[in-house]
Amino acid sequence: MGMSKKRKDKYGISRATIYRWKKQFRESR
């Protein structure tokens, strides 16, 4: 899906990273 251009969120983190954090956070709980 648009990996050639890494777009960063206003927070400075790529959406893929946030998605992974959410997955880990759910497993952690």
C-alpha atoms as a PDB file:
ATOM      1  CA  MET A   1       0.000   0.000   0.000  1.00  0.00           C
ATOM      2  CA  GLY A   2       2.388   3.100  -0.370  1.00  0.00           C
ATOM      3  CA  MET A   3       5.507   1.746   1.225  1.00  0.00           C
ATOM      4  CA  SER A   4       7.803   3.600  -1.202  1.00  0.00           C
ATOM      5  CA  LYS A   5       6.887   6.849   0.576  1.00  0.00           C
ATOM      6  CA  LYS A   6       6.907   6.452   4.372  1.00  0.00           C
ATOM      7  CA  ARG A   7       4.311   9.009   5.526  1.00  0.00           C
ATOM      8  CA  LYS A   8       4.608   9.940   9.202  1.00  0.00           C
ATOM      9  CA  ASP A   9       1.626  10.843  11.349  1.00  0.00           C
ATOM     10  CA  LYS A  10       1.410  14.203  13.067  1.00  0.00           C
ATOM     11  CA  TYR A  11       2.889  12.386  16.074  1.00  0.00           C
ATOM     12  CA  GLY A  12       5.946  11.400  14.032  1.00  0.00           C
ATOM     13  CA  ILE A  13       5.147   7.693  14.009  1.00  0.00           C
ATOM     14  CA  SER A  14       4.148   5.665  10.974  1.00  0.00           C
ATOM     15  CA  ARG A  15       0.599   4.212  11.053  1.00  0.00           C
ATOM     16  CA  ALA A  16       2.046   0.684  10.729  1.00  0.00           C
ATOM     17  CA  THR A  17       3.973   1.216  13.966  1.00  0.00           C
ATOM     18  CA  ILE A  18       0.890   2.418  15.835  1.00  0.00           C
ATOM     19  CA  TYR A  19      -1.069  -0.581  14.527  1.00  0.00           C
ATOM     20  CA  ARG A  20       1.644  -2.914  15.908  1.00  0.00           C
ATOM     21  CA  TRP A  21       1.657  -1.108  19.271  1.00  0.00           C
ATOM     22  CA  LYS A  22      -2.131  -1.522  19.551  1.00  0.00           C
ATOM     23  CA  LYS A  23      -1.780  -5.250  18.821  1.00  0.00           C
ATOM     24  CA  GLN A  24       0.974  -5.659  21.431  1.00  0.00           C
ATOM     25  CA  PHE A  25      -0.922  -3.571  23.980  1.00  0.00           C
ATOM     26  CA  ARG A  26      -3.993  -5.841  23.580  1.00  0.00           C
ATOM     27  CA  GLU A  27      -1.875  -8.989  24.018  1.00  0.00           C
ATOM     28  CA  SER A  28      -0.051  -7.459  26.977  1.00  0.00           C
ATOM     29  CA  ARG A  29      -3.342  -6.920  28.842  1.00  0.00           C
END
